[in-house]
Amino acid sequence: MFWISGLLGLLLGLSPFVFGYAGHAIALWTSIVLGALVILIAIIGQSSTAMDKRWEYWVIGLSGLAAFIAPFVFGYSNVVTLLWSGLILGALLAVLDGYKAFQTPPTMEHPH
């Protein structure tokens, strides 16, 4: 699951350059910072040996939520490509990782 989140984080970070809104400073830095955060946490989650990885899913899910609401908070919702890239990528991150954050963590069973 973390590789999907990492890929979505990469898309989020590259979206200003792919969709041509690198000239919009607030949208550019919002996408880069949130994308980098998602990638970093996805790498930590993928490489971690801990059984309970809910905190990683929470951080990525909340980053997705931030990407979803950023166009409205920072006032660039009137630019269609900015709006839709944030809505789509943010929703995917929030739903996928939010779902995983609410799942019961696996438990270690001791053999009898």
N, C-alpha and C. Protein backbone atom coordinates (compact mmCIF):
# COMPACT_ATOMS: atom_id res chain seq x y z
N MET A 1 0.82 -1.20 0.00
CA MET A 1 0.00 0.00 0.00
C MET A 1 0.86 1.27 0.00
N PHE A 2 2.00 1.21 0.69
CA PHE A 2 2.83 2.41 0.77
C PHE A 2 3.42 2.78 -0.59
N TRP A 3 3.64 1.81 -1.46
CA TRP A 3 4.18 2.15 -2.78
C TRP A 3 3.15 2.93 -3.59
N ILE A 4 1.86 2.63 -3.40
CA ILE A 4 0.81 3.39 -4.08
C ILE A 4 0.78 4.82 -3.55
N SER A 5 0.86 4.95 -2.23
CA SER A 5 0.88 6.28 -1.61
C SER A 5 2.10 7.07 -2.07
N GLY A 6 3.26 6.40 -2.13
CA GLY A 6 4.47 7.07 -2.60
C GLY A 6 4.34 7.54 -4.04
N LEU A 7 3.73 6.72 -4.87
CA LEU A 7 3.50 7.11 -6.27
C LEU A 7 2.55 8.30 -6.37
N LEU A 8 1.49 8.28 -5.56
CA LEU A 8 0.57 9.42 -5.54
C LEU A 8 1.26 10.68 -5.01
N GLY A 9 2.14 10.52 -4.03
CA GLY A 9 2.92 11.65 -3.51
C GLY A 9 3.84 12.22 -4.58
N LEU A 10 4.45 11.33 -5.36
CA LEU A 10 5.30 11.77 -6.46
C LEU A 10 4.49 12.54 -7.50
N LEU A 11 3.32 12.03 -7.82
CA LEU A 11 2.44 12.74 -8.77
C LEU A 11 2.02 14.10 -8.22
N LEU A 12 1.75 14.15 -6.93
CA LEU A 12 1.37 15.42 -6.31
C LEU A 12 2.51 16.42 -6.39
N GLY A 13 3.72 15.96 -6.09
CA GLY A 13 4.89 16.85 -6.14
C GLY A 13 5.25 17.30 -7.54
N LEU A 14 5.00 16.46 -8.53
CA LEU A 14 5.32 16.80 -9.92
C LEU A 14 4.18 17.50 -10.66
N SER A 15 2.99 17.48 -10.08
CA SER A 15 1.83 18.04 -10.78
C SER A 15 1.98 19.50 -11.21
N PRO A 16 2.67 20.37 -10.46
CA PRO A 16 2.82 21.75 -10.95
C PRO A 16 3.58 21.81 -12.28
N PHE A 17 4.52 20.90 -12.46
CA PHE A 17 5.32 20.90 -13.68
C PHE A 17 4.60 20.17 -14.82
N VAL A 18 3.88 19.11 -14.47
CA VAL A 18 3.15 18.32 -15.47
C VAL A 18 1.96 19.11 -16.01
N PHE A 19 1.22 19.76 -15.12
CA PHE A 19 0.01 20.47 -15.51
C PHE A 19 0.22 21.95 -15.77
N GLY A 20 1.47 22.41 -15.68
CA GLY A 20 1.81 23.76 -16.08
C GLY A 20 1.42 24.87 -15.13
N TYR A 21 1.39 24.60 -13.83
CA TYR A 21 1.11 25.69 -12.91
C TYR A 21 2.27 25.97 -11.97
N ALA A 22 3.48 25.72 -12.46
CA ALA A 22 4.67 25.99 -11.65
C ALA A 22 4.86 27.48 -11.41
N GLY A 23 4.22 28.33 -12.19
CA GLY A 23 4.31 29.77 -12.00
C GLY A 23 3.45 30.29 -10.86
N HIS A 24 2.57 29.47 -10.34
CA HIS A 24 1.71 29.86 -9.22
C HIS A 24 2.40 29.41 -7.93
N ALA A 25 3.07 30.34 -7.26
CA ALA A 25 3.97 30.01 -6.15
C ALA A 25 3.31 29.24 -5.01
N ILE A 26 2.14 29.66 -4.59
CA ILE A 26 1.48 28.99 -3.46
C ILE A 26 1.12 27.56 -3.83
N ALA A 27 0.53 27.37 -5.00
CA ALA A 27 0.15 26.02 -5.45
C ALA A 27 1.40 25.16 -5.67
N LEU A 28 2.45 25.76 -6.22
CA LEU A 28 3.70 25.03 -6.46
C LEU A 28 4.25 24.48 -5.15
N TRP A 29 4.42 25.34 -4.16
CA TRP A 29 5.03 24.91 -2.90
C TRP A 29 4.12 24.01 -2.08
N THR A 30 2.83 24.22 -2.17
CA THR A 30 1.90 23.33 -1.48
C THR A 30 2.02 21.91 -2.04
N SER A 31 2.05 21.80 -3.37
CA SER A 31 2.18 20.48 -4.01
C SER A 31 3.52 19.83 -3.70
N ILE A 32 4.59 20.60 -3.77
CA ILE A 32 5.93 20.04 -3.53
C ILE A 32 6.07 19.58 -2.08
N VAL A 33 5.67 20.42 -1.13
CA VAL A 33 5.82 20.08 0.29
C VAL A 33 4.96 18.87 0.66
N LEU A 34 3.69 18.89 0.26
CA LEU A 34 2.82 17.76 0.59
C LEU A 34 3.26 16.49 -0.13
N GLY A 35 3.68 16.61 -1.38
CA GLY A 35 4.17 15.45 -2.12
C GLY A 35 5.41 14.85 -1.49
N ALA A 36 6.34 15.72 -1.08
CA ALA A 36 7.57 15.24 -0.44
C ALA A 36 7.26 14.58 0.91
N LEU A 37 6.34 15.15 1.66
CA LEU A 37 5.94 14.56 2.94
C LEU A 37 5.35 13.17 2.73
N VAL A 38 4.48 13.04 1.76
CA VAL A 38 3.86 11.75 1.48
C VAL A 38 4.92 10.72 1.07
N ILE A 39 5.83 11.13 0.20
CA ILE A 39 6.90 10.22 -0.23
C ILE A 39 7.75 9.78 0.96
N LEU A 40 8.14 10.73 1.79
CA LEU A 40 8.97 10.42 2.96
C LEU A 40 8.27 9.44 3.90
N ILE A 41 7.02 9.70 4.22
CA ILE A 41 6.29 8.84 5.14
C ILE A 41 6.03 7.47 4.50
N ALA A 42 5.81 7.44 3.19
CA ALA A 42 5.61 6.15 2.51
C ALA A 42 6.89 5.31 2.56
N ILE A 43 8.03 5.96 2.41
CA ILE A 43 9.31 5.24 2.51
C ILE A 43 9.52 4.72 3.93
N ILE A 44 9.22 5.55 4.93
CA ILE A 44 9.34 5.12 6.32
C ILE A 44 8.40 3.94 6.59
N GLY A 45 7.16 4.06 6.14
CA GLY A 45 6.19 2.99 6.35
C GLY A 45 6.58 1.70 5.66
N GLN A 46 7.11 1.81 4.46
CA GLN A 46 7.50 0.61 3.69
C GLN A 46 8.69 -0.08 4.34
N SER A 47 9.63 0.70 4.86
CA SER A 47 10.85 0.10 5.42
C SER A 47 10.72 -0.26 6.90
N SER A 48 9.67 0.17 7.56
CA SER A 48 9.48 -0.11 8.98
C SER A 48 9.11 -1.57 9.21
N THR A 49 9.62 -2.11 10.30
CA THR A 49 9.29 -3.49 10.66
C THR A 49 8.20 -3.54 11.73
N ALA A 50 7.71 -2.39 12.15
CA ALA A 50 6.67 -2.35 13.17
C ALA A 50 5.38 -2.96 12.63
N MET A 51 4.66 -3.64 13.49
CA MET A 51 3.40 -4.26 13.08
C MET A 51 2.31 -3.20 12.88
N ASP A 52 2.27 -2.21 13.76
CA ASP A 52 1.24 -1.18 13.70
C ASP A 52 1.80 0.03 12.95
N LYS A 53 1.28 0.26 11.77
CA LYS A 53 1.75 1.37 10.95
C LYS A 53 0.66 2.44 10.79
N ARG A 54 -0.24 2.50 11.76
CA ARG A 54 -1.34 3.45 11.61
C ARG A 54 -0.90 4.90 11.58
N TRP A 55 0.14 5.26 12.31
CA TRP A 55 0.54 6.67 12.32
C TRP A 55 0.98 7.10 10.93
N GLU A 56 1.65 6.21 10.19
CA GLU A 56 2.06 6.54 8.83
C GLU A 56 0.84 6.79 7.94
N TYR A 57 -0.16 5.91 8.08
CA TYR A 57 -1.38 6.09 7.29
C TYR A 57 -2.11 7.36 7.68
N TRP A 58 -2.11 7.69 8.97
CA TRP A 58 -2.75 8.93 9.42
C TRP A 58 -2.07 10.16 8.80
N VAL A 59 -0.75 10.20 8.82
CA VAL A 59 -0.03 11.35 8.28
C VAL A 59 -0.29 11.48 6.78
N ILE A 60 -0.23 10.37 6.06
CA ILE A 60 -0.47 10.43 4.61
C ILE A 60 -1.92 10.81 4.33
N GLY A 61 -2.86 10.23 5.09
CA GLY A 61 -4.28 10.56 4.89
C GLY A 61 -4.56 12.04 5.16
N LEU A 62 -3.97 12.57 6.22
CA LEU A 62 -4.16 14.00 6.53
C LEU A 62 -3.47 14.89 5.49
N SER A 63 -2.35 14.43 4.94
CA SER A 63 -1.70 15.18 3.85
C SER A 63 -2.59 15.21 2.63
N GLY A 64 -3.25 14.09 2.37
CA GLY A 64 -4.21 14.05 1.26
C GLY A 64 -5.37 15.00 1.49
N LEU A 65 -5.86 15.04 2.71
CA LEU A 65 -6.93 15.97 3.06
C LEU A 65 -6.47 17.41 2.88
N ALA A 66 -5.22 17.69 3.27
CA ALA A 66 -4.66 19.03 3.10
C ALA A 66 -4.57 19.39 1.62
N ALA A 67 -4.14 18.43 0.78
CA ALA A 67 -4.07 18.69 -0.66
C ALA A 67 -5.46 18.93 -1.23
N PHE A 68 -6.46 18.25 -0.68
CA PHE A 68 -7.85 18.39 -1.14
C PHE A 68 -8.41 19.77 -0.83
N ILE A 69 -8.12 20.29 0.36
CA ILE A 69 -8.71 21.58 0.75
C ILE A 69 -7.82 22.77 0.41
N ALA A 70 -6.56 22.54 0.06
CA ALA A 70 -5.62 23.63 -0.22
C ALA A 70 -6.10 24.62 -1.27
N PRO A 71 -6.71 24.17 -2.38
CA PRO A 71 -7.16 25.16 -3.37
C PRO A 71 -8.17 26.16 -2.80
N PHE A 72 -8.98 25.72 -1.84
CA PHE A 72 -9.98 26.59 -1.25
C PHE A 72 -9.37 27.48 -0.16
N VAL A 73 -8.46 26.92 0.61
CA VAL A 73 -7.83 27.67 1.70
C VAL A 73 -6.91 28.76 1.15
N PHE A 74 -6.12 28.41 0.12
CA PHE A 74 -5.14 29.35 -0.42
C PHE A 74 -5.66 30.16 -1.59
N GLY A 75 -6.92 29.98 -1.96
CA GLY A 75 -7.57 30.84 -2.93
C GLY A 75 -7.23 30.61 -4.39
N TYR A 76 -6.86 29.40 -4.75
CA TYR A 76 -6.61 29.14 -6.17
C TYR A 76 -7.58 28.10 -6.75
N SER A 77 -8.76 28.02 -6.17
CA SER A 77 -9.77 27.07 -6.66
C SER A 77 -10.39 27.50 -7.98
N ASN A 78 -10.15 28.74 -8.38
CA ASN A 78 -10.70 29.21 -9.65
C ASN A 78 -9.87 28.78 -10.86
N VAL A 79 -8.69 28.21 -10.64
CA VAL A 79 -7.86 27.70 -11.72
C VAL A 79 -8.11 26.19 -11.81
N VAL A 80 -8.72 25.77 -12.92
CA VAL A 80 -9.24 24.41 -13.04
C VAL A 80 -8.18 23.34 -12.82
N THR A 81 -7.00 23.45 -13.42
CA THR A 81 -5.98 22.40 -13.26
C THR A 81 -5.47 22.33 -11.82
N LEU A 82 -5.36 23.47 -11.18
CA LEU A 82 -4.93 23.48 -9.78
C LEU A 82 -5.97 22.80 -8.90
N LEU A 83 -7.20 23.14 -9.15
CA LEU A 83 -8.30 22.60 -8.36
C LEU A 83 -8.38 21.08 -8.51
N TRP A 84 -8.44 20.61 -9.75
CA TRP A 84 -8.67 19.18 -9.98
C TRP A 84 -7.48 18.31 -9.59
N SER A 85 -6.27 18.78 -9.78
CA SER A 85 -5.13 17.96 -9.35
C SER A 85 -5.14 17.81 -7.83
N GLY A 86 -5.44 18.87 -7.11
CA GLY A 86 -5.53 18.79 -5.65
C GLY A 86 -6.69 17.93 -5.19
N LEU A 87 -7.84 18.09 -5.84
CA LEU A 87 -9.01 17.31 -5.44
C LEU A 87 -8.81 15.82 -5.70
N ILE A 88 -8.34 15.47 -6.88
CA ILE A 88 -8.21 14.06 -7.23
C ILE A 88 -7.11 13.37 -6.43
N LEU A 89 -5.90 13.94 -6.46
CA LEU A 89 -4.79 13.31 -5.73
C LEU A 89 -5.02 13.35 -4.22
N GLY A 90 -5.55 14.46 -3.72
CA GLY A 90 -5.84 14.56 -2.30
C GLY A 90 -6.89 13.56 -1.85
N ALA A 91 -7.95 13.42 -2.64
CA ALA A 91 -9.01 12.46 -2.29
C ALA A 91 -8.48 11.03 -2.31
N LEU A 92 -7.69 10.69 -3.31
CA LEU A 92 -7.13 9.34 -3.37
C LEU A 92 -6.27 9.04 -2.15
N LEU A 93 -5.41 9.97 -1.78
CA LEU A 93 -4.56 9.77 -0.60
C LEU A 93 -5.39 9.70 0.68
N ALA A 94 -6.34 10.60 0.82
CA ALA A 94 -7.15 10.65 2.04
C ALA A 94 -7.99 9.38 2.19
N VAL A 95 -8.60 8.94 1.11
CA VAL A 95 -9.47 7.76 1.19
C VAL A 95 -8.67 6.48 1.37
N LEU A 96 -7.65 6.27 0.55
CA LEU A 96 -6.87 5.04 0.64
C LEU A 96 -6.16 4.90 1.98
N ASP A 97 -5.45 5.93 2.37
CA ASP A 97 -4.68 5.85 3.61
C ASP A 97 -5.56 6.07 4.84
N GLY A 98 -6.60 6.85 4.69
CA GLY A 98 -7.55 7.00 5.80
C GLY A 98 -8.22 5.69 6.14
N TYR A 99 -8.56 4.93 5.11
CA TYR A 99 -9.15 3.61 5.32
C TYR A 99 -8.19 2.70 6.09
N LYS A 100 -6.94 2.71 5.68
CA LYS A 100 -5.93 1.87 6.35
C LYS A 100 -5.68 2.34 7.79
N ALA A 101 -5.79 3.64 8.04
CA ALA A 101 -5.55 4.17 9.38
C ALA A 101 -6.59 3.68 10.37
N PHE A 102 -7.80 3.41 9.90
CA PHE A 102 -8.87 2.97 10.79
C PHE A 102 -8.95 1.46 10.95
N GLN A 103 -8.16 0.72 10.20
CA GLN A 103 -8.16 -0.74 10.33
C GLN A 103 -7.48 -1.14 11.64
N THR A 104 -7.91 -2.25 12.17
CA THR A 104 -7.30 -2.79 13.38
C THR A 104 -5.91 -3.30 13.05
N PRO A 105 -4.91 -2.92 13.83
CA PRO A 105 -3.55 -3.38 13.53
C PRO A 105 -3.42 -4.88 13.75
N PRO A 106 -2.55 -5.52 12.98
CA PRO A 106 -2.34 -6.96 13.19
C PRO A 106 -1.67 -7.20 14.54
N THR A 107 -1.94 -8.35 15.09
CA THR A 107 -1.32 -8.70 16.37
C THR A 107 -0.37 -9.85 16.18
N MET A 108 0.61 -9.90 17.04
CA MET A 108 1.57 -11.00 17.00
C MET A 108 0.96 -12.15 17.81
N GLU A 109 0.83 -13.28 17.17
CA GLU A 109 0.32 -14.45 17.88
C GLU A 109 1.50 -15.33 18.25
N HIS A 110 1.49 -15.75 19.50
CA HIS A 110 2.57 -16.61 19.98
C HIS A 110 2.15 -18.07 19.79
N PRO A 111 3.07 -18.86 19.25
CA PRO A 111 2.71 -20.28 19.09
C PRO A 111 2.59 -20.96 20.46
N HIS A 112 1.66 -21.87 20.57
CA HIS A 112 1.44 -22.55 21.84
C HIS A 112 2.27 -23.79 21.94
